[in-house]
Protein backbone atom coordinates (compact mmCIF):
# COMPACT_ATOMS: atom_id res chain seq x y z
CA MET A 1 -18.49 -7.87 4.84
CA SER A 2 -15.59 -7.43 7.23
CA LEU A 3 -12.55 -5.25 6.50
CA PHE A 4 -10.40 -8.25 7.41
CA PRO A 5 -10.57 -10.98 4.75
CA SER A 6 -8.50 -14.12 4.96
CA PHE A 7 -5.22 -13.03 3.40
CA MET A 8 -2.65 -15.62 4.48
CA SER A 9 -3.47 -17.96 1.61
CA ARG A 10 -3.08 -15.37 -1.14
CA LEU A 11 0.18 -13.63 -0.28
CA PRO A 12 3.42 -15.64 -0.10
CA LEU A 13 5.31 -12.76 1.54
CA VAL A 14 2.80 -12.64 4.37
CA ARG A 15 3.42 -16.30 5.15
CA SER A 16 7.15 -15.60 5.46
CA LEU A 17 6.87 -12.73 7.93
CA ALA A 18 4.93 -12.32 11.14
CA LEU A 19 3.18 -9.05 10.46
CA VAL A 20 1.65 -6.71 12.98
CA VAL A 21 0.59 -3.10 12.85
CA VAL A 22 2.57 -1.64 15.73
CA CYS A 23 0.52 0.95 17.53
CA ALA A 24 1.39 3.94 19.62
CA GLY A 25 -0.55 7.00 20.67
CA ALA A 26 0.60 10.17 18.96
CA SER A 27 1.56 13.26 20.88
CA ALA A 28 -0.35 16.49 20.38
CA CYS A 29 0.13 18.27 17.07
CA GLY A 30 2.94 20.79 17.26
CA SER A 31 4.77 19.06 20.09
CA ASP A 32 8.47 18.30 19.73
CA SER A 33 8.26 15.36 22.11
CA PRO A 34 8.03 11.83 20.67
CA ALA A 35 4.75 9.93 20.69
CA GLU A 36 3.96 8.26 23.99
CA PRO A 37 2.95 4.59 23.69
CA ILE A 38 -0.45 3.58 25.00
CA ASP A 39 -1.83 0.15 25.71
CA ALA A 40 -4.18 -0.46 22.77
CA GLY A 41 -6.35 -2.70 24.93
CA VAL A 42 -6.82 -0.19 27.77
CA VAL A 43 -8.82 2.92 26.94
CA ASP A 44 -11.17 5.20 28.81
CA ALA A 45 -14.95 5.55 28.49
CA GLY A 46 -15.31 1.79 28.30
CA PHE A 47 -13.96 1.54 24.74
CA SER A 48 -11.62 -1.30 23.86
CA CYS A 49 -10.56 -3.14 20.74
CA GLU A 50 -13.79 -4.81 19.79
CA PRO A 51 -13.88 -8.04 17.79
CA GLU A 52 -13.81 -7.40 14.06
CA GLY A 53 -17.23 -7.08 12.53
CA GLU A 54 -19.24 -5.48 9.81
CA PRO A 55 -18.27 -1.96 8.67
CA GLY A 56 -20.25 0.79 10.37
CA GLU A 57 -21.05 4.47 9.89
CA PRO A 58 -18.30 6.23 7.85
CA PHE A 59 -15.73 8.62 9.31
CA ASP A 60 -12.93 10.73 7.81
CA LEU A 61 -9.47 9.17 7.88
CA GLN A 62 -6.14 10.82 7.02
CA ILE A 63 -2.59 9.48 6.75
CA SER A 64 0.55 11.56 7.07
CA LEU A 65 4.24 11.66 7.67
CA THR A 66 4.85 13.66 10.82
CA THR A 67 8.13 15.52 10.91
CA ASP A 68 9.21 17.93 13.59
CA GLY A 69 5.82 17.48 15.28
CA VAL A 70 3.92 18.90 12.29
CA PHE A 71 1.08 16.88 10.73
CA ARG A 72 1.22 16.98 6.92
CA GLU A 73 -1.47 14.92 5.21
CA LEU A 74 -0.15 12.76 2.38
CA VAL A 75 -1.53 13.43 -1.10
CA ASP A 76 -1.20 11.40 -4.28
CA GLY A 77 2.36 11.54 -5.64
CA ASP A 78 4.07 12.29 -2.30
CA MET A 79 7.39 10.68 -1.40
CA ALA A 80 7.33 8.36 1.61
CA PRO A 81 10.42 6.93 3.33
CA VAL A 82 10.89 3.24 4.02
CA VAL A 83 12.77 3.11 7.33
CA LEU A 84 14.74 0.39 9.08
CA GLY A 85 13.01 -0.35 12.37
CA PRO A 86 14.76 -1.36 15.59
CA GLN A 87 13.76 -4.99 15.04
CA GLY A 88 15.65 -5.11 11.71
CA LEU A 89 12.56 -4.95 9.47
CA TYR A 90 11.89 -2.29 6.86
CA MET A 91 8.64 -0.39 7.31
CA LEU A 92 6.48 2.50 6.26
CA GLU A 93 5.61 4.54 9.36
CA LEU A 94 2.44 6.63 9.06
CA GLU A 95 0.47 8.82 11.41
CA VAL A 96 -3.22 7.93 11.11
CA ARG A 97 -5.87 10.51 12.07
CA ALA A 98 -9.57 9.79 12.46
CA THR A 99 -12.32 12.37 12.86
CA LEU A 100 -14.73 10.67 15.28
CA SER A 101 -17.48 11.80 17.63
CA ILE A 102 -16.59 9.55 20.55
CA PRO A 103 -16.53 10.94 24.11
CA SER A 104 -13.10 9.54 24.93
CA GLU A 105 -9.47 10.60 25.09
CA SER A 106 -8.21 7.32 23.63
CA ILE A 107 -9.64 4.56 21.48
CA CYS A 108 -8.55 1.40 19.71
CA LEU A 109 -9.53 0.54 16.13
CA HIS A 110 -8.99 -2.53 13.99
CA THR A 111 -6.90 -1.78 10.90
CA LEU A 112 -6.15 -3.25 7.52
CA ALA A 113 -3.17 -1.78 5.67
CA ASP A 114 -2.57 -2.68 2.03
CA VAL A 115 0.43 -1.73 -0.13
CA SER A 116 0.10 -2.63 -3.82
CA ALA A 117 2.65 -4.68 -5.76
CA TRP A 118 5.51 -3.05 -7.69
CA GLU A 119 7.93 -4.85 -10.01
CA GLN A 120 9.78 -7.30 -7.67
CA PHE A 121 7.76 -6.32 -4.58
CA ASN A 122 4.71 -8.59 -4.19
CA GLY A 123 2.69 -6.11 -2.17
CA ILE A 124 1.44 -6.68 1.36
CA THR A 125 -1.82 -6.80 3.29
CA GLN A 126 -1.43 -6.40 7.04
CA PRO A 127 -4.19 -6.48 9.67
CA GLY A 128 -3.79 -5.16 13.19
CA VAL A 129 -5.04 -2.69 15.77
CA ILE A 130 -4.11 0.91 16.43
CA GLY A 131 -4.30 2.80 19.71
CA MET A 132 -5.24 6.44 19.18
CA ARG A 133 -5.36 9.55 21.39
CA THR A 134 -7.11 12.86 20.91
CA VAL A 135 -5.02 15.72 19.54
CA GLU A 136 -5.46 19.51 19.43
CA ASP A 137 -7.98 19.56 16.57
CA GLY A 138 -10.23 17.04 18.37
CA SER A 139 -9.42 14.13 16.06
CA PHE A 140 -7.80 10.87 17.20
CA SER A 141 -4.21 10.13 16.19
CA GLY A 142 -1.99 7.04 16.28
CA ILE A 143 1.08 5.58 14.58
CA ALA A 144 0.92 2.63 12.18
CA GLN A 145 4.07 0.79 11.18
CA ILE A 146 3.49 -1.26 8.04
CA ILE A 147 6.17 -3.97 7.72
CA LEU A 148 7.32 -4.16 4.08
CA ALA A 149 10.56 -6.17 3.99
CA GLY A 150 12.60 -8.45 6.20
CA GLY A 151 16.08 -7.59 4.98
CA ALA A 152 18.20 -5.11 3.05
CA GLU A 153 18.08 -7.18 -0.16
CA MET A 154 14.27 -7.28 -0.10
CA ALA A 155 14.13 -3.57 0.82
CA GLN A 156 16.11 -2.64 -2.33
CA ASN A 157 13.02 -3.67 -4.33
CA LEU A 158 11.11 -0.85 -2.61
CA ASP A 159 13.46 2.02 -3.53
CA GLY A 160 11.65 4.05 -6.19
CA ALA A 161 8.48 1.95 -5.97
CA GLU A 162 5.24 3.62 -7.00
CA VAL A 163 2.54 2.01 -4.87
CA VAL A 164 -1.00 2.54 -3.67
CA VAL A 165 -1.22 2.56 0.13
CA THR A 166 -4.68 1.91 1.55
CA MET A 167 -5.51 2.14 5.25
CA ALA A 168 -8.89 1.01 6.56
CA CYS A 169 -10.00 1.28 10.19
CA ASP A 170 -13.16 0.14 11.95
CA GLY A 171 -14.57 -0.27 15.41
CA HIS A 172 -17.21 1.12 17.76
CA GLY A 173 -19.76 0.90 14.94
CA LEU A 174 -17.67 3.18 12.68
CA SER A 175 -15.53 2.65 9.55
CA GLY A 176 -13.11 4.75 7.52
CA SER A 177 -10.59 4.21 4.74
CA ILE A 178 -8.15 6.18 2.62
CA SER A 179 -5.90 5.40 -0.37
CA ARG A 180 -2.90 7.33 -1.63
CA ASP A 181 -0.52 6.83 -4.58
CA LEU A 182 2.93 7.14 -3.00
CA ASN A 183 6.52 7.00 -4.21
CA LEU A 184 8.68 5.03 -1.78
CA PHE A 185 12.37 5.59 -1.11
CA LEU A 186 14.86 3.98 1.26
CA ALA A 187 15.69 6.39 4.07
CA ASP A 188 19.29 6.70 5.26
């Protein structure tokens, strides 16, 4: 069974927004410089974003909020900011790290992000791809932006929300997923 079920028919919010996981390569852990974008379709060692398929061998996956260049893995109960992106949409921006044994400096994985429903927020399921680069510890790292709301009025429903965020990634015959109970807040 694929990580990417047909979701358009079961989520009204998805039909109202064009949703994409926006991908960028993350800079090395400990660096103060911002992440440098990479082309998710152009990677070395012959790896590219493969068509979605069956899940493969498992790998470890982590999600974090990266502040001041420091990776801090999210744990259940952590606070996570909902930020206003440059395109006017409200999003949850996460650093995704994957521990993979692939002889490459950059890879591309298919993703499926899911944020559970909360009171007046219907929840969201968002497929996409993520471009990842190797970082100091040898894992691969990339940025996922999960679009949650299209306007300030909709975003108000997210302030104080207690949700389960699940991120699943697969590609190159490998699969990983992680879920965290997070408390959302609207960032200034």
